[in-house]
Protein backbone atom coordinates (compact mmCIF):
# COMPACT_ATOMS: atom_id res chain seq x y z
CA UNK A 1 0.00 0.00 0.00
CA UNK A 2 2.80 2.48 0.83
CA UNK A 3 3.81 2.72 -2.83
CA UNK A 4 0.50 4.41 -3.61
CA UNK A 5 0.50 6.91 -0.75
CA UNK A 6 2.40 10.18 -0.56
CA UNK A 7 2.36 10.12 3.25
CA UNK A 8 3.10 7.21 5.58
CA UNK A 9 0.84 5.70 8.21
CA UNK A 10 2.19 5.12 11.71
CA UNK A 11 0.78 2.89 14.43
CA UNK A 12 1.65 3.86 17.99
CA UNK A 13 0.91 1.04 20.40
CA UNK A 14 1.82 0.04 23.94
CA UNK A 15 0.32 -0.80 27.29
CA UNK A 16 -2.22 1.74 28.59
CA UNK A 17 -0.35 4.52 30.37
CA UNK A 18 2.79 4.47 28.22
CA UNK A 19 2.03 7.84 26.62
CA UNK A 20 0.47 6.85 23.30
CA UNK A 21 -2.14 9.60 23.13
CA UNK A 22 0.26 12.32 24.28
CA UNK A 23 2.87 11.19 21.75
CA UNK A 24 0.30 10.92 18.94
CA UNK A 25 -1.20 14.33 19.70
CA UNK A 26 2.21 16.04 19.68
CA UNK A 27 3.27 14.17 16.53
CA UNK A 28 0.02 15.14 14.82
CA UNK A 29 0.61 18.81 15.72
CA UNK A 30 4.19 18.65 14.41
CA UNK A 31 3.29 16.96 11.11
CA UNK A 32 -0.35 17.85 10.40
CA UNK A 33 -1.04 14.11 10.16
CA UNK A 34 -4.45 12.83 11.24
CA UNK A 35 -4.51 11.40 14.79
CA UNK A 36 -6.84 8.41 14.88
CA UNK A 37 -7.51 7.53 18.51
CA UNK A 38 -9.10 4.08 18.14
CA UNK A 39 -10.82 4.24 21.52
CA UNK A 40 -12.45 7.55 20.62
CA UNK A 41 -13.54 6.33 17.18
CA UNK A 42 -15.09 3.22 18.75
CA UNK A 43 -16.88 5.33 21.34
CA UNK A 44 -18.10 7.90 18.78
CA UNK A 45 -19.41 5.25 16.38
CA UNK A 46 -20.45 2.71 19.05
CA UNK A 47 -18.20 0.02 17.56
CA UNK A 48 -18.41 -2.38 20.49
CA UNK A 49 -18.82 -6.13 20.72
CA UNK A 50 -19.67 -6.16 24.42
CA UNK A 51 -18.25 -5.50 27.88
CA UNK A 52 -15.33 -7.24 29.60
CA UNK A 53 -16.35 -7.63 33.25
CA UNK A 54 -12.89 -8.66 34.44
CA UNK A 55 -11.03 -5.76 32.81
CA UNK A 56 -13.94 -3.32 33.17
CA UNK A 57 -13.87 -2.08 29.59
CA UNK A 58 -15.72 -2.28 26.30
CA UNK A 59 -14.65 -4.87 23.75
CA UNK A 60 -14.12 -3.20 20.38
CA UNK A 61 -15.68 -4.72 17.27
CA UNK A 62 -12.39 -4.98 15.39
CA UNK A 63 -13.90 -5.70 11.97
CA UNK A 64 -16.30 -2.75 12.21
CA UNK A 65 -13.48 -0.50 13.36
CA UNK A 66 -11.24 -1.52 10.46
CA UNK A 67 -14.12 -0.93 8.03
CA UNK A 68 -14.66 2.50 9.59
CA UNK A 69 -11.08 3.73 9.05
CA UNK A 70 -10.13 1.82 5.87
CA UNK A 71 -10.54 4.80 3.51
CA UNK A 72 -8.55 7.10 5.79
CA UNK A 73 -5.73 4.56 5.93
CA UNK A 74 -5.61 4.35 2.13
CA UNK A 75 -5.08 8.13 1.98
CA UNK A 76 -2.03 8.01 4.25
CA UNK A 77 -0.86 10.62 6.72
CA UNK A 78 -2.38 8.86 9.74
CA UNK A 79 -1.14 8.24 13.25
CA UNK A 80 -3.16 5.41 14.77
CA UNK A 81 -3.25 5.29 18.58
CA UNK A 82 -4.27 2.00 20.22
CA UNK A 83 -3.11 -0.45 22.89
CA UNK A 84 -3.25 -3.42 20.54
CA UNK A 85 -2.06 -4.11 17.03
CA UNK A 86 -2.85 -7.69 16.05
CA UNK A 87 -6.06 -6.99 14.12
CA UNK A 88 -4.93 -4.15 11.87
CA UNK A 89 -3.94 -5.12 8.31
CA UNK A 90 -0.17 -5.11 7.92
CA UNK A 91 -0.46 -3.20 4.62
CA UNK A 92 -1.77 -0.15 6.45
CA UNK A 93 1.45 0.75 8.28
CA UNK A 94 4.88 1.95 7.31
CA UNK A 95 6.04 2.24 10.92
CA UNK A 96 4.86 0.48 14.08
CA UNK A 97 5.98 2.18 17.29
CA UNK A 98 5.80 0.31 20.59
CA UNK A 99 6.08 2.64 23.57
CA UNK A 100 7.56 1.11 26.71
CA UNK A 101 7.57 2.49 30.25
CA UNK A 102 9.31 1.62 33.50
CA UNK A 103 6.92 -0.55 35.56
CA UNK A 104 7.03 1.69 38.64
CA UNK A 105 6.16 4.79 36.61
CA UNK A 106 3.48 2.87 34.74
CA UNK A 107 1.95 1.57 37.97
CA UNK A 108 1.70 5.13 39.31
CA UNK A 109 0.14 6.42 36.07
CA UNK A 110 -2.47 3.66 35.96
CA UNK A 111 -3.29 4.02 39.65
CA UNK A 112 -3.89 7.77 39.08
CA UNK A 113 -6.33 6.78 36.30
CA UNK A 114 -8.26 4.70 38.80
CA UNK A 115 -7.09 1.29 37.63
CA UNK A 116 -7.37 -1.31 40.39
CA UNK A 117 -7.41 -5.08 40.88
CA UNK A 118 -7.25 -7.29 37.80
CA UNK A 119 -7.20 -4.35 35.39
CA UNK A 120 -4.13 -2.83 37.05
CA UNK A 121 -2.34 -6.18 37.45
CA UNK A 122 -3.09 -7.24 33.87
CA UNK A 123 -1.65 -4.04 32.40
CA UNK A 124 1.50 -4.16 34.55
CA UNK A 125 2.05 -7.81 33.57
CA UNK A 126 1.51 -6.87 29.93
CA UNK A 127 4.35 -4.36 30.20
CA UNK A 128 6.65 -6.65 32.19
CA UNK A 129 6.32 -9.44 29.62
CA UNK A 130 6.50 -7.01 26.66
CA UNK A 131 3.26 -8.37 25.25
CA UNK A 132 2.71 -5.47 22.83
CA UNK A 133 6.26 -5.63 21.47
CA UNK A 134 5.85 -9.36 20.92
CA UNK A 135 2.46 -8.77 19.25
CA UNK A 136 4.06 -6.23 16.91
CA UNK A 137 6.84 -8.68 15.99
CA UNK A 138 4.26 -11.41 15.29
CA UNK A 139 2.17 -9.19 13.00
CA UNK A 140 4.51 -6.79 11.21
CA UNK A 141 7.79 -6.86 9.33
CA UNK A 142 10.82 -6.43 11.60
CA UNK A 143 12.10 -3.49 9.58
CA UNK A 144 9.10 -1.28 10.41
CA UNK A 145 8.99 -1.88 14.19
CA UNK A 146 10.46 0.72 16.53
CA UNK A 147 10.51 0.23 20.33
CA UNK A 148 10.83 3.56 22.16
CA UNK A 149 11.19 4.38 25.88
CA UNK A 150 8.44 6.57 27.29
CA UNK A 151 9.32 7.12 30.94
CA UNK A 152 9.29 10.93 31.15
CA UNK A 153 8.49 14.16 29.30
CA UNK A 154 11.98 14.25 27.74
CA UNK A 155 11.37 10.76 26.29
CA UNK A 156 8.11 11.92 24.73
CA UNK A 157 9.84 14.93 23.17
CA UNK A 158 12.67 12.76 21.86
CA UNK A 159 10.19 10.22 20.48
CA UNK A 160 8.23 12.89 18.63
CA UNK A 161 11.46 14.30 17.18
CA UNK A 162 12.58 10.80 16.15
CA UNK A 163 9.26 10.18 14.39
CA UNK A 164 9.22 13.57 12.67
CA UNK A 165 12.67 12.72 11.28
CA UNK A 166 11.49 9.23 10.30
CA UNK A 167 8.55 10.79 8.37
CA UNK A 168 10.93 13.21 6.65
CA UNK A 169 13.16 10.31 5.54
CA UNK A 170 10.19 8.18 4.42
CA UNK A 171 8.82 11.05 2.35
CA UNK A 172 12.17 11.70 0.68
CA UNK A 173 12.59 8.02 -0.20
CA UNK A 174 9.07 7.76 -1.59
CA UNK A 175 9.74 10.68 -3.93
CA UNK A 176 12.76 8.97 -5.50
C-alpha atoms as a PDB file:
ATOM      1  CA  UNK A   1       0.000   0.000   0.000  1.00  0.00           C
ATOM      2  CA  UNK A   2       2.798   2.480   0.831  1.00  0.00           C
ATOM      3  CA  UNK A   3       3.808   2.722  -2.834  1.00  0.00           C
ATOM      4  CA  UNK A   4       0.502   4.411  -3.614  1.00  0.00           C
ATOM      5  CA  UNK A   5       0.497   6.911  -0.752  1.00  0.00           C
ATOM      6  CA  UNK A   6       2.403  10.175  -0.559  1.00  0.00           C
ATOM      7  CA  UNK A   7       2.360  10.125   3.251  1.00  0.00           C
ATOM      8  CA  UNK A   8       3.102   7.210   5.580  1.00  0.00           C
ATOM      9  CA  UNK A   9       0.843   5.705   8.214  1.00  0.00           C
ATOM     10  CA  UNK A  10       2.194   5.122  11.711  1.00  0.00           C
ATOM     11  CA  UNK A  11       0.778   2.885  14.426  1.00  0.00           C
ATOM     12  CA  UNK A  12       1.648   3.858  17.993  1.00  0.00           C
ATOM     13  CA  UNK A  13       0.912   1.041  20.402  1.00  0.00           C
ATOM     14  CA  UNK A  14       1.821   0.045  23.939  1.00  0.00           C
ATOM     15  CA  UNK A  15       0.324  -0.804  27.289  1.00  0.00           C
ATOM     16  CA  UNK A  16      -2.217   1.744  28.586  1.00  0.00           C
ATOM     17  CA  UNK A  17      -0.348   4.523  30.368  1.00  0.00           C
ATOM     18  CA  UNK A  18       2.787   4.472  28.216  1.00  0.00           C
ATOM     19  CA  UNK A  19       2.030   7.844  26.618  1.00  0.00           C
ATOM     20  CA  UNK A  20       0.465   6.854  23.304  1.00  0.00           C
ATOM     21  CA  UNK A  21      -2.141   9.597  23.129  1.00  0.00           C
ATOM     22  CA  UNK A  22       0.258  12.319  24.276  1.00  0.00           C
ATOM     23  CA  UNK A  23       2.866  11.191  21.751  1.00  0.00           C
ATOM     24  CA  UNK A  24       0.304  10.924  18.943  1.00  0.00           C
ATOM     25  CA  UNK A  25      -1.205  14.335  19.696  1.00  0.00           C
ATOM     26  CA  UNK A  26       2.207  16.040  19.675  1.00  0.00           C
ATOM     27  CA  UNK A  27       3.271  14.175  16.534  1.00  0.00           C
ATOM     28  CA  UNK A  28       0.019  15.143  14.824  1.00  0.00           C
ATOM     29  CA  UNK A  29       0.614  18.806  15.717  1.00  0.00           C
ATOM     30  CA  UNK A  30       4.190  18.646  14.410  1.00  0.00           C
ATOM     31  CA  UNK A  31       3.291  16.964  11.112  1.00  0.00           C
ATOM     32  CA  UNK A  32      -0.351  17.851  10.397  1.00  0.00           C
ATOM     33  CA  UNK A  33      -1.039  14.111  10.163  1.00  0.00           C
ATOM     34  CA  UNK A  34      -4.453  12.832  11.242  1.00  0.00           C
ATOM     35  CA  UNK A  35      -4.510  11.400  14.788  1.00  0.00           C
ATOM     36  CA  UNK A  36      -6.842   8.407  14.878  1.00  0.00           C
ATOM     37  CA  UNK A  37      -7.514   7.526  18.506  1.00  0.00           C
ATOM     38  CA  UNK A  38      -9.099   4.081  18.143  1.00  0.00           C
ATOM     39  CA  UNK A  39     -10.823   4.243  21.525  1.00  0.00           C
ATOM     40  CA  UNK A  40     -12.451   7.553  20.620  1.00  0.00           C
ATOM     41  CA  UNK A  41     -13.544   6.328  17.176  1.00  0.00           C
ATOM     42  CA  UNK A  42     -15.086   3.216  18.749  1.00  0.00           C
ATOM     43  CA  UNK A  43     -16.885   5.334  21.338  1.00  0.00           C
ATOM     44  CA  UNK A  44     -18.100   7.900  18.775  1.00  0.00           C
ATOM     45  CA  UNK A  45     -19.412   5.249  16.376  1.00  0.00           C
ATOM     46  CA  UNK A  46     -20.454   2.708  19.047  1.00  0.00           C
ATOM     47  CA  UNK A  47     -18.203   0.023  17.564  1.00  0.00           C
ATOM     48  CA  UNK A  48     -18.413  -2.376  20.486  1.00  0.00           C
ATOM     49  CA  UNK A  49     -18.824  -6.126  20.721  1.00  0.00           C
ATOM     50  CA  UNK A  50     -19.666  -6.160  24.421  1.00  0.00           C
ATOM     51  CA  UNK A  51     -18.249  -5.503  27.876  1.00  0.00           C
ATOM     52  CA  UNK A  52     -15.333  -7.244  29.599  1.00  0.00           C
ATOM     53  CA  UNK A  53     -16.352  -7.635  33.248  1.00  0.00           C
ATOM     54  CA  UNK A  54     -12.893  -8.659  34.438  1.00  0.00           C
ATOM     55  CA  UNK A  55     -11.033  -5.764  32.813  1.00  0.00           C
ATOM     56  CA  UNK A  56     -13.936  -3.316  33.167  1.00  0.00           C
ATOM     57  CA  UNK A  57     -13.867  -2.077  29.594  1.00  0.00           C
ATOM     58  CA  UNK A  58     -15.719  -2.279  26.298  1.00  0.00           C
ATOM     59  CA  UNK A  59     -14.654  -4.867  23.747  1.00  0.00           C
ATOM     60  CA  UNK A  60     -14.115  -3.202  20.380  1.00  0.00           C
ATOM     61  CA  UNK A  61     -15.682  -4.722  17.273  1.00  0.00           C
ATOM     62  CA  UNK A  62     -12.391  -4.982  15.390  1.00  0.00           C
ATOM     63  CA  UNK A  63     -13.904  -5.699  11.974  1.00  0.00           C
ATOM     64  CA  UNK A  64     -16.297  -2.755  12.207  1.00  0.00           C
ATOM     65  CA  UNK A  65     -13.481  -0.499  13.359  1.00  0.00           C
ATOM     66  CA  UNK A  66     -11.239  -1.523  10.456  1.00  0.00           C
ATOM     67  CA  UNK A  67     -14.118  -0.930   8.029  1.00  0.00           C
ATOM     68  CA  UNK A  68     -14.661   2.501   9.588  1.00  0.00           C
ATOM     69  CA  UNK A  69     -11.081   3.730   9.054  1.00  0.00           C
ATOM     70  CA  UNK A  70     -10.134   1.819   5.871  1.00  0.00           C
ATOM     71  CA  UNK A  71     -10.542   4.801   3.512  1.00  0.00           C
ATOM     72  CA  UNK A  72      -8.550   7.101   5.792  1.00  0.00           C
ATOM     73  CA  UNK A  73      -5.731   4.561   5.927  1.00  0.00           C
ATOM     74  CA  UNK A  74      -5.615   4.347   2.128  1.00  0.00           C
ATOM     75  CA  UNK A  75      -5.080   8.130   1.976  1.00  0.00           C
ATOM     76  CA  UNK A  76      -2.030   8.011   4.245  1.00  0.00           C
ATOM     77  CA  UNK A  77      -0.858  10.621   6.722  1.00  0.00           C
ATOM     78  CA  UNK A  78      -2.375   8.862   9.736  1.00  0.00           C
ATOM     79  CA  UNK A  79      -1.135   8.241  13.253  1.00  0.00           C
ATOM     80  CA  UNK A  80      -3.163   5.408  14.775  1.00  0.00           C
ATOM     81  CA  UNK A  81      -3.254   5.287  18.576  1.00  0.00           C
ATOM     82  CA  UNK A  82      -4.268   1.997  20.223  1.00  0.00           C
ATOM     83  CA  UNK A  83      -3.114  -0.445  22.893  1.00  0.00           C
ATOM     84  CA  UNK A  84      -3.248  -3.419  20.536  1.00  0.00           C
ATOM     85  CA  UNK A  85      -2.058  -4.110  17.029  1.00  0.00           C
ATOM     86  CA  UNK A  86      -2.852  -7.693  16.046  1.00  0.00           C
ATOM     87  CA  UNK A  87      -6.056  -6.989  14.125  1.00  0.00           C
ATOM     88  CA  UNK A  88      -4.928  -4.146  11.869  1.00  0.00           C
ATOM     89  CA  UNK A  89      -3.941  -5.121   8.311  1.00  0.00           C
ATOM     90  CA  UNK A  90      -0.169  -5.109   7.916  1.00  0.00           C
ATOM     91  CA  UNK A  91      -0.465  -3.203   4.617  1.00  0.00           C
ATOM     92  CA  UNK A  92      -1.771  -0.147   6.452  1.00  0.00           C
ATOM     93  CA  UNK A  93       1.445   0.749   8.280  1.00  0.00           C
ATOM     94  CA  UNK A  94       4.879   1.949   7.313  1.00  0.00           C
ATOM     95  CA  UNK A  95       6.043   2.237  10.919  1.00  0.00           C
ATOM     96  CA  UNK A  96       4.855   0.480  14.081  1.00  0.00           C
ATOM     97  CA  UNK A  97       5.983   2.180  17.288  1.00  0.00           C
ATOM     98  CA  UNK A  98       5.796   0.309  20.593  1.00  0.00           C
ATOM     99  CA  UNK A  99       6.076   2.641  23.571  1.00  0.00           C
ATOM    100  CA  UNK A 100       7.565   1.106  26.711  1.00  0.00           C
ATOM    101  CA  UNK A 101       7.570   2.491  30.248  1.00  0.00           C
ATOM    102  CA  UNK A 102       9.309   1.616  33.497  1.00  0.00           C
ATOM    103  CA  UNK A 103       6.921  -0.546  35.556  1.00  0.00           C
ATOM    104  CA  UNK A 104       7.027   1.692  38.635  1.00  0.00           C
ATOM    105  CA  UNK A 105       6.162   4.793  36.607  1.00  0.00           C
ATOM    106  CA  UNK A 106       3.483   2.866  34.737  1.00  0.00           C
ATOM    107  CA  UNK A 107       1.948   1.571  37.972  1.00  0.00           C
ATOM    108  CA  UNK A 108       1.699   5.129  39.306  1.00  0.00           C
ATOM    109  CA  UNK A 109       0.137   6.422  36.075  1.00  0.00           C
ATOM    110  CA  UNK A 110      -2.471   3.664  35.959  1.00  0.00           C
ATOM    111  CA  UNK A 111      -3.293   4.025  39.648  1.00  0.00           C
ATOM    112  CA  UNK A 112      -3.893   7.768  39.078  1.00  0.00           C
ATOM    113  CA  UNK A 113      -6.325   6.784  36.301  1.00  0.00           C
ATOM    114  CA  UNK A 114      -8.265   4.703  38.803  1.00  0.00           C
ATOM    115  CA  UNK A 115      -7.094   1.286  37.629  1.00  0.00           C
ATOM    116  CA  UNK A 116      -7.374  -1.314  40.391  1.00  0.00           C
ATOM    117  CA  UNK A 117      -7.408  -5.075  40.875  1.00  0.00           C
ATOM    118  CA  UNK A 118      -7.246  -7.286  37.796  1.00  0.00           C
ATOM    119  CA  UNK A 119      -7.204  -4.350  35.395  1.00  0.00           C
ATOM    120  CA  UNK A 120      -4.131  -2.826  37.050  1.00  0.00           C
ATOM    121  CA  UNK A 121      -2.342  -6.175  37.445  1.00  0.00           C
ATOM    122  CA  UNK A 122      -3.092  -7.245  33.869  1.00  0.00           C
ATOM    123  CA  UNK A 123      -1.647  -4.044  32.399  1.00  0.00           C
ATOM    124  CA  UNK A 124       1.504  -4.155  34.550  1.00  0.00           C
ATOM    125  CA  UNK A 125       2.051  -7.814  33.571  1.00  0.00           C
ATOM    126  CA  UNK A 126       1.508  -6.874  29.935  1.00  0.00           C
ATOM    127  CA  UNK A 127       4.347  -4.361  30.202  1.00  0.00           C
ATOM    128  CA  UNK A 128       6.653  -6.655  32.192  1.00  0.00           C
ATOM    129  CA  UNK A 129       6.322  -9.439  29.624  1.00  0.00           C
ATOM    130  CA  UNK A 130       6.503  -7.014  26.664  1.00  0.00           C
ATOM    131  CA  UNK A 131       3.258  -8.373  25.246  1.00  0.00           C
ATOM    132  CA  UNK A 132       2.710  -5.468  22.834  1.00  0.00           C
ATOM    133  CA  UNK A 133       6.261  -5.634  21.475  1.00  0.00           C
ATOM    134  CA  UNK A 134       5.853  -9.365  20.920  1.00  0.00           C
ATOM    135  CA  UNK A 135       2.462  -8.769  19.250  1.00  0.00           C
ATOM    136  CA  UNK A 136       4.064  -6.234  16.912  1.00  0.00           C
ATOM    137  CA  UNK A 137       6.841  -8.682  15.988  1.00  0.00           C
ATOM    138  CA  UNK A 138       4.257 -11.411  15.288  1.00  0.00           C
ATOM    139  CA  UNK A 139       2.170  -9.193  13.000  1.00  0.00           C
ATOM    140  CA  UNK A 140       4.511  -6.794  11.207  1.00  0.00           C
ATOM    141  CA  UNK A 141       7.792  -6.860   9.332  1.00  0.00           C
ATOM    142  CA  UNK A 142      10.819  -6.434  11.598  1.00  0.00           C
ATOM    143  CA  UNK A 143      12.098  -3.488   9.583  1.00  0.00           C
ATOM    144  CA  UNK A 144       9.101  -1.275  10.405  1.00  0.00           C
ATOM    145  CA  UNK A 145       8.988  -1.876  14.186  1.00  0.00           C
ATOM    146  CA  UNK A 146      10.461   0.718  16.527  1.00  0.00           C
ATOM    147  CA  UNK A 147      10.506   0.229  20.331  1.00  0.00           C
ATOM    148  CA  UNK A 148      10.829   3.556  22.158  1.00  0.00           C
ATOM    149  CA  UNK A 149      11.186   4.379  25.875  1.00  0.00           C
ATOM    150  CA  UNK A 150       8.442   6.574  27.289  1.00  0.00           C
ATOM    151  CA  UNK A 151       9.321   7.124  30.944  1.00  0.00           C
ATOM    152  CA  UNK A 152       9.291  10.932  31.146  1.00  0.00           C
ATOM    153  CA  UNK A 153       8.492  14.162  29.299  1.00  0.00           C
ATOM    154  CA  UNK A 154      11.980  14.247  27.735  1.00  0.00           C
ATOM    155  CA  UNK A 155      11.374  10.764  26.291  1.00  0.00           C
ATOM    156  CA  UNK A 156       8.107  11.922  24.727  1.00  0.00           C
ATOM    157  CA  UNK A 157       9.841  14.931  23.175  1.00  0.00           C
ATOM    158  CA  UNK A 158      12.672  12.759  21.862  1.00  0.00           C
ATOM    159  CA  UNK A 159      10.192  10.221  20.480  1.00  0.00           C
ATOM    160  CA  UNK A 160       8.228  12.890  18.629  1.00  0.00           C
ATOM    161  CA  UNK A 161      11.462  14.300  17.180  1.00  0.00           C
ATOM    162  CA  UNK A 162      12.580  10.800  16.149  1.00  0.00           C
ATOM    163  CA  UNK A 163       9.255  10.176  14.394  1.00  0.00           C
ATOM    164  CA  UNK A 164       9.222  13.566  12.665  1.00  0.00           C
ATOM    165  CA  UNK A 165      12.674  12.717  11.284  1.00  0.00           C
ATOM    166  CA  UNK A 166      11.486   9.229  10.300  1.00  0.00           C
ATOM    167  CA  UNK A 167       8.552  10.788   8.373  1.00  0.00           C
ATOM    168  CA  UNK A 168      10.935  13.207   6.645  1.00  0.00           C
ATOM    169  CA  UNK A 169      13.163  10.312   5.545  1.00  0.00           C
ATOM    170  CA  UNK A 170      10.186   8.177   4.421  1.00  0.00           C
ATOM    171  CA  UNK A 171       8.824  11.053   2.351  1.00  0.00           C
ATOM    172  CA  UNK A 172      12.171  11.703   0.681  1.00  0.00           C
ATOM    173  CA  UNK A 173      12.593   8.018  -0.200  1.00  0.00           C
ATOM    174  CA  UNK A 174       9.065   7.757  -1.591  1.00  0.00           C
ATOM    175  CA  UNK A 175       9.739  10.678  -3.931  1.00  0.00           C
ATOM    176  CA  UNK A 176      12.763   8.966  -5.500  1.00  0.00           C
END
